[in-house]
């Protein structure tokens, strides 16, 4: 992510267009316990309707939907 280093942030990118892999990547991201998990686009509509409720201590942000 451009600019992450400039503000002292780090990130890990999980990328997929396949719904099954999106679910697996989201699960991996939750296990990594980052400050926030960002999902971009409508492919995250379904997973973000359930996963955040299963992990109330984790912050989620859906963008571009």
PDB file of N, CA and C in Angstrom:
ATOM      1  N   UNK A   1       0.852  -1.176   0.000  1.00  0.00           N
ATOM      2  CA  UNK A   1       0.000   0.000   0.000  1.00  0.00           C
ATOM      3  C   UNK A   1       0.892   1.230   0.000  1.00  0.00           C
ATOM      4  N   UNK A   2       0.748   2.066  -1.009  1.00  0.00           N
ATOM      5  CA  UNK A   2       1.555   3.285  -1.035  1.00  0.00           C
ATOM      6  C   UNK A   2       1.294   4.136   0.209  1.00  0.00           C
ATOM      7  N   UNK A   3       2.353   4.606   0.785  1.00  0.00           N
ATOM      8  CA  UNK A   3       2.217   5.501   1.922  1.00  0.00           C
ATOM      9  C   UNK A   3       2.224   4.814   3.271  1.00  0.00           C
ATOM     10  N   UNK A   4       2.083   3.515   3.326  1.00  0.00           N
ATOM     11  CA  UNK A   4       2.033   2.823   4.616  1.00  0.00           C
ATOM     12  C   UNK A   4       3.301   3.055   5.427  1.00  0.00           C
ATOM     13  N   UNK A   5       4.439   2.903   4.795  1.00  0.00           N
ATOM     14  CA  UNK A   5       5.705   3.094   5.517  1.00  0.00           C
ATOM     15  C   UNK A   5       5.880   4.528   5.985  1.00  0.00           C
ATOM     16  N   UNK A   6       5.398   5.472   5.178  1.00  0.00           N
ATOM     17  CA  UNK A   6       5.553   6.883   5.535  1.00  0.00           C
ATOM     18  C   UNK A   6       4.813   7.242   6.821  1.00  0.00           C
ATOM     19  N   UNK A   7       3.743   6.542   7.119  1.00  0.00           N
ATOM     20  CA  UNK A   7       2.990   6.833   8.345  1.00  0.00           C
ATOM     21  C   UNK A   7       3.247   5.804   9.439  1.00  0.00           C
ATOM     22  N   UNK A   8       4.216   4.912   9.205  1.00  0.00           N
ATOM     23  CA  UNK A   8       4.574   3.927  10.215  1.00  0.00           C
ATOM     24  C   UNK A   8       3.611   2.755  10.302  1.00  0.00           C
ATOM     25  N   UNK A   9       2.864   2.518   9.252  1.00  0.00           N
ATOM     26  CA  UNK A   9       1.907   1.412   9.238  1.00  0.00           C
ATOM     27  C   UNK A   9       2.468   0.236   8.448  1.00  0.00           C
ATOM     28  N   UNK A  10       1.895  -0.900   8.670  1.00  0.00           N
ATOM     29  CA  UNK A  10       2.240  -2.068   7.867  1.00  0.00           C
ATOM     30  C   UNK A  10       0.944  -2.693   7.376  1.00  0.00           C
ATOM     31  N   UNK A  11       1.034  -3.537   6.379  1.00  0.00           N
ATOM     32  CA  UNK A  11      -0.154  -4.194   5.866  1.00  0.00           C
ATOM     33  C   UNK A  11       0.220  -5.518   5.234  1.00  0.00           C
ATOM     34  N   UNK A  12      -0.746  -6.395   5.123  1.00  0.00           N
ATOM     35  CA  UNK A  12      -0.597  -7.645   4.406  1.00  0.00           C
ATOM     36  C   UNK A  12      -1.772  -7.732   3.456  1.00  0.00           C
ATOM     37  N   UNK A  13      -1.489  -8.024   2.207  1.00  0.00           N
ATOM     38  CA  UNK A  13      -2.525  -8.085   1.184  1.00  0.00           C
ATOM     39  C   UNK A  13      -2.913  -9.528   0.928  1.00  0.00           C
ATOM     40  N   UNK A  14      -4.200  -9.824   1.051  1.00  0.00           N
ATOM     41  CA  UNK A  14      -4.769 -11.104   0.666  1.00  0.00           C
ATOM     42  C   UNK A  14      -5.665 -10.793  -0.524  1.00  0.00           C
ATOM     43  N   UNK A  15      -5.423 -11.429  -1.648  1.00  0.00           N
ATOM     44  CA  UNK A  15      -6.172 -11.068  -2.846  1.00  0.00           C
ATOM     45  C   UNK A  15      -6.755 -12.306  -3.516  1.00  0.00           C
ATOM     46  N   UNK A  16      -8.038 -12.217  -3.898  1.00  0.00           N
ATOM     47  CA  UNK A  16      -8.699 -13.304  -4.606  1.00  0.00           C
ATOM     48  C   UNK A  16     -10.001 -12.829  -5.192  1.00  0.00           C
ATOM     49  N   UNK A  17     -10.410 -13.445  -6.269  1.00  0.00           N
ATOM     50  CA  UNK A  17     -11.706 -13.155  -6.866  1.00  0.00           C
ATOM     51  C   UNK A  17     -12.667 -14.312  -6.633  1.00  0.00           C
ATOM     52  N   UNK A  18     -12.179 -15.432  -6.142  1.00  0.00           N
ATOM     53  CA  UNK A  18     -12.983 -16.617  -5.894  1.00  0.00           C
ATOM     54  C   UNK A  18     -13.598 -16.536  -4.496  1.00  0.00           C
ATOM     55  N   UNK A  19     -14.928 -16.683  -4.367  1.00  0.00           N
ATOM     56  CA  UNK A  19     -15.574 -16.563  -3.053  1.00  0.00           C
ATOM     57  C   UNK A  19     -15.033 -17.525  -1.997  1.00  0.00           C
ATOM     58  N   UNK A  20     -14.662 -18.724  -2.397  1.00  0.00           N
ATOM     59  CA  UNK A  20     -14.118 -19.687  -1.432  1.00  0.00           C
ATOM     60  C   UNK A  20     -12.780 -19.204  -0.902  1.00  0.00           C
ATOM     61  N   UNK A  21     -11.953 -18.699  -1.778  1.00  0.00           N
ATOM     62  CA  UNK A  21     -10.641 -18.211  -1.359  1.00  0.00           C
ATOM     63  C   UNK A  21     -10.778 -16.914  -0.561  1.00  0.00           C
ATOM     64  N   UNK A  22     -11.761 -16.092  -0.895  1.00  0.00           N
ATOM     65  CA  UNK A  22     -12.013 -14.880  -0.106  1.00  0.00           C
ATOM     66  C   UNK A  22     -12.305 -15.268   1.338  1.00  0.00           C
ATOM     67  N   UNK A  23     -13.144 -16.277   1.536  1.00  0.00           N
ATOM     68  CA  UNK A  23     -13.469 -16.735   2.889  1.00  0.00           C
ATOM     69  C   UNK A  23     -12.228 -17.261   3.604  1.00  0.00           C
ATOM     70  N   UNK A  24     -11.396 -18.009   2.901  1.00  0.00           N
ATOM     71  CA  UNK A  24     -10.160 -18.535   3.495  1.00  0.00           C
ATOM     72  C   UNK A  24      -9.200 -17.401   3.849  1.00  0.00           C
ATOM     73  N   UNK A  25      -9.075 -16.429   2.955  1.00  0.00           N
ATOM     74  CA  UNK A  25      -8.197 -15.291   3.221  1.00  0.00           C
ATOM     75  C   UNK A  25      -8.703 -14.446   4.382  1.00  0.00           C
ATOM     76  N   UNK A  26     -10.000 -14.269   4.465  1.00  0.00           N
ATOM     77  CA  UNK A  26     -10.581 -13.511   5.570  1.00  0.00           C
ATOM     78  C   UNK A  26     -10.328 -14.227   6.892  1.00  0.00           C
ATOM     79  N   UNK A  27     -10.455 -15.540   6.889  1.00  0.00           N
ATOM     80  CA  UNK A  27     -10.174 -16.333   8.083  1.00  0.00           C
ATOM     81  C   UNK A  27      -8.697 -16.188   8.482  1.00  0.00           C
ATOM     82  N   UNK A  28      -7.810 -16.237   7.507  1.00  0.00           N
ATOM     83  CA  UNK A  28      -6.374 -16.062   7.784  1.00  0.00           C
ATOM     84  C   UNK A  28      -6.091 -14.671   8.342  1.00  0.00           C
ATOM     85  N   UNK A  29      -6.759 -13.669   7.794  1.00  0.00           N
ATOM     86  CA  UNK A  29      -6.575 -12.303   8.289  1.00  0.00           C
ATOM     87  C   UNK A  29      -7.052 -12.180   9.726  1.00  0.00           C
ATOM     88  N   UNK A  30      -8.177 -12.779  10.054  1.00  0.00           N
ATOM     89  CA  UNK A  30      -8.690 -12.741  11.435  1.00  0.00           C
ATOM     90  C   UNK A  30      -7.686 -13.399  12.382  1.00  0.00           C
ATOM     91  N   UNK A  31      -7.134 -14.524  11.979  1.00  0.00           N
ATOM     92  CA  UNK A  31      -6.153 -15.224  12.831  1.00  0.00           C
ATOM     93  C   UNK A  31      -4.895 -14.391  13.052  1.00  0.00           C
ATOM     94  N   UNK A  32      -4.547 -13.530  12.085  1.00  0.00           N
ATOM     95  CA  UNK A  32      -3.358 -12.683  12.214  1.00  0.00           C
ATOM     96  C   UNK A  32      -3.562 -11.531  13.198  1.00  0.00           C
ATOM     97  N   UNK A  33      -4.816 -11.245  13.559  1.00  0.00           N
ATOM     98  CA  UNK A  33      -5.168 -10.213  14.540  1.00  0.00           C
ATOM     99  C   UNK A  33      -4.599  -8.820  14.225  1.00  0.00           C
ATOM    100  N   UNK A  34      -4.870  -8.305  13.034  1.00  0.00           N
ATOM    101  CA  UNK A  34      -4.410  -6.954  12.722  1.00  0.00           C
ATOM    102  C   UNK A  34      -5.276  -5.902  13.415  1.00  0.00           C
ATOM    103  N   UNK A  35      -4.870  -4.658  13.324  1.00  0.00           N
ATOM    104  CA  UNK A  35      -5.658  -3.567  13.887  1.00  0.00           C
ATOM    105  C   UNK A  35      -7.013  -3.478  13.197  1.00  0.00           C
ATOM    106  N   UNK A  36      -7.007  -3.584  11.877  1.00  0.00           N
ATOM    107  CA  UNK A  36      -8.258  -3.520  11.107  1.00  0.00           C
ATOM    108  C   UNK A  36      -8.121  -4.415   9.873  1.00  0.00           C
ATOM    109  N   UNK A  37      -9.230  -5.037   9.494  1.00  0.00           N
ATOM    110  CA  UNK A  37      -9.303  -5.831   8.268  1.00  0.00           C
ATOM    111  C   UNK A  37     -10.177  -5.058   7.298  1.00  0.00           C
ATOM    112  N   UNK A  38      -9.643  -4.803   6.111  1.00  0.00           N
ATOM    113  CA  UNK A  38     -10.359  -4.030   5.105  1.00  0.00           C
ATOM    114  C   UNK A  38     -10.733  -4.952   3.949  1.00  0.00           C
ATOM    115  N   UNK A  39     -12.013  -4.960   3.606  1.00  0.00           N
ATOM    116  CA  UNK A  39     -12.495  -5.684   2.439  1.00  0.00           C
ATOM    117  C   UNK A  39     -12.951  -4.671   1.408  1.00  0.00           C
ATOM    118  N   UNK A  40     -12.487  -4.828   0.170  1.00  0.00           N
ATOM    119  CA  UNK A  40     -12.812  -3.853  -0.863  1.00  0.00           C
ATOM    120  C   UNK A  40     -13.715  -4.493  -1.909  1.00  0.00           C
ATOM    121  N   UNK A  41     -14.907  -3.926  -2.050  1.00  0.00           N
ATOM    122  CA  UNK A  41     -15.815  -4.344  -3.105  1.00  0.00           C
ATOM    123  C   UNK A  41     -16.941  -5.253  -2.652  1.00  0.00           C
ATOM    124  N   UNK A  42     -17.869  -5.470  -3.584  1.00  0.00           N
ATOM    125  CA  UNK A  42     -19.052  -6.264  -3.285  1.00  0.00           C
ATOM    126  C   UNK A  42     -18.768  -7.730  -2.975  1.00  0.00           C
ATOM    127  N   UNK A  43     -17.631  -8.327  -3.374  1.00  0.00           N
ATOM    128  CA  UNK A  43     -17.395  -9.720  -2.997  1.00  0.00           C
ATOM    129  C   UNK A  43     -17.337  -9.934  -1.483  1.00  0.00           C
ATOM    130  N   UNK A  44     -17.181  -8.856  -0.724  1.00  0.00           N
ATOM    131  CA  UNK A  44     -17.119  -8.974   0.731  1.00  0.00           C
ATOM    132  C   UNK A  44     -18.490  -8.799   1.396  1.00  0.00           C
ATOM    133  N   UNK A  45     -19.527  -8.534   0.625  1.00  0.00           N
ATOM    134  CA  UNK A  45     -20.863  -8.347   1.201  1.00  0.00           C
ATOM    135  C   UNK A  45     -21.278  -9.537   2.064  1.00  0.00           C
ATOM    136  N   UNK A  46     -21.203 -10.736   1.517  1.00  0.00           N
ATOM    137  CA  UNK A  46     -21.624 -11.921   2.278  1.00  0.00           C
ATOM    138  C   UNK A  46     -20.712 -12.213   3.466  1.00  0.00           C
ATOM    139  N   UNK A  47     -19.393 -12.311   3.255  1.00  0.00           N
ATOM    140  CA  UNK A  47     -18.539 -12.603   4.404  1.00  0.00           C
ATOM    141  C   UNK A  47     -18.625 -11.540   5.502  1.00  0.00           C
ATOM    142  N   UNK A  48     -18.747 -10.264   5.116  1.00  0.00           N
ATOM    143  CA  UNK A  48     -18.806  -9.212   6.119  1.00  0.00           C
ATOM    144  C   UNK A  48     -20.173  -9.126   6.794  1.00  0.00           C
ATOM    145  N   UNK A  49     -21.133  -9.890   6.316  1.00  0.00           N
ATOM    146  CA  UNK A  49     -22.425  -9.930   7.001  1.00  0.00           C
ATOM    147  C   UNK A  49     -22.398 -10.895   8.183  1.00  0.00           C
ATOM    148  N   UNK A  50     -21.401 -11.782   8.241  1.00  0.00           N
ATOM    149  CA  UNK A  50     -21.346 -12.754   9.334  1.00  0.00           C
ATOM    150  C   UNK A  50     -20.039 -12.713  10.136  1.00  0.00           C
ATOM    151  N   UNK A  51     -18.913 -12.613   9.464  1.00  0.00           N
ATOM    152  CA  UNK A  51     -17.612 -12.734  10.137  1.00  0.00           C
ATOM    153  C   UNK A  51     -17.405 -11.687  11.228  1.00  0.00           C
ATOM    154  N   UNK A  52     -17.712 -10.420  11.016  1.00  0.00           N
ATOM    155  CA  UNK A  52     -17.514  -9.452  12.106  1.00  0.00           C
ATOM    156  C   UNK A  52     -18.311  -9.781  13.371  1.00  0.00           C
ATOM    157  N   UNK A  53     -19.491 -10.345  13.219  1.00  0.00           N
ATOM    158  CA  UNK A  53     -20.268 -10.730  14.415  1.00  0.00           C
ATOM    159  C   UNK A  53     -19.616 -11.888  15.159  1.00  0.00           C
ATOM    160  N   UNK A  54     -18.877 -12.724  14.432  1.00  0.00           N
ATOM    161  CA  UNK A  54     -18.196 -13.863  15.050  1.00  0.00           C
ATOM    162  C   UNK A  54     -16.910 -13.436  15.758  1.00  0.00           C
ATOM    163  N   UNK A  55     -16.429 -12.246  15.442  1.00  0.00           N
ATOM    164  CA  UNK A  55     -15.173 -11.731  16.011  1.00  0.00           C
ATOM    165  C   UNK A  55     -15.384 -10.290  16.467  1.00  0.00           C
ATOM    166  N   UNK A  56     -16.147 -10.094  17.542  1.00  0.00           N
ATOM    167  CA  UNK A  56     -16.509  -8.743  17.971  1.00  0.00           C
ATOM    168  C   UNK A  56     -15.325  -7.868  18.399  1.00  0.00           C
ATOM    169  N   UNK A  57     -14.210  -8.442  18.746  1.00  0.00           N
ATOM    170  CA  UNK A  57     -13.051  -7.654  19.152  1.00  0.00           C
ATOM    171  C   UNK A  57     -12.210  -7.167  17.992  1.00  0.00           C
ATOM    172  N   UNK A  58     -12.494  -7.657  16.803  1.00  0.00           N
ATOM    173  CA  UNK A  58     -11.721  -7.296  15.607  1.00  0.00           C
ATOM    174  C   UNK A  58     -12.430  -6.166  14.873  1.00  0.00           C
ATOM    175  N   UNK A  59     -11.663  -5.203  14.378  1.00  0.00           N
ATOM    176  CA  UNK A  59     -12.242  -4.100  13.592  1.00  0.00           C
ATOM    177  C   UNK A  59     -12.254  -4.491  12.119  1.00  0.00           C
ATOM    178  N   UNK A  60     -13.351  -4.211  11.451  1.00  0.00           N
ATOM    179  CA  UNK A  60     -13.528  -4.496  10.027  1.00  0.00           C
ATOM    180  C   UNK A  60     -13.973  -3.215   9.326  1.00  0.00           C
ATOM    181  N   UNK A  61     -13.550  -3.073   8.077  1.00  0.00           N
ATOM    182  CA  UNK A  61     -13.960  -1.937   7.251  1.00  0.00           C
ATOM    183  C   UNK A  61     -14.208  -2.458   5.849  1.00  0.00           C
ATOM    184  N   UNK A  62     -15.410  -2.215   5.354  1.00  0.00           N
ATOM    185  CA  UNK A  62     -15.722  -2.585   3.973  1.00  0.00           C
ATOM    186  C   UNK A  62     -15.785  -1.315   3.148  1.00  0.00           C
ATOM    187  N   UNK A  63     -15.034  -1.309   2.061  1.00  0.00           N
ATOM    188  CA  UNK A  63     -14.948  -0.126   1.202  1.00  0.00           C
ATOM    189  C   UNK A  63     -15.347  -0.464  -0.226  1.00  0.00           C
ATOM    190  N   UNK A  64     -15.931   0.498  -0.890  1.00  0.00           N
ATOM    191  CA  UNK A  64     -16.212   0.361  -2.301  1.00  0.00           C
ATOM    192  C   UNK A  64     -17.336  -0.580  -2.657  1.00  0.00           C
ATOM    193  N   UNK A  65     -18.285  -0.740  -1.782  1.00  0.00           N
ATOM    194  CA  UNK A  65     -19.395  -1.641  -2.074  1.00  0.00           C
ATOM    195  C   UNK A  65     -20.633  -0.866  -2.448  1.00  0.00           C
TER     196      UNK A  65
END
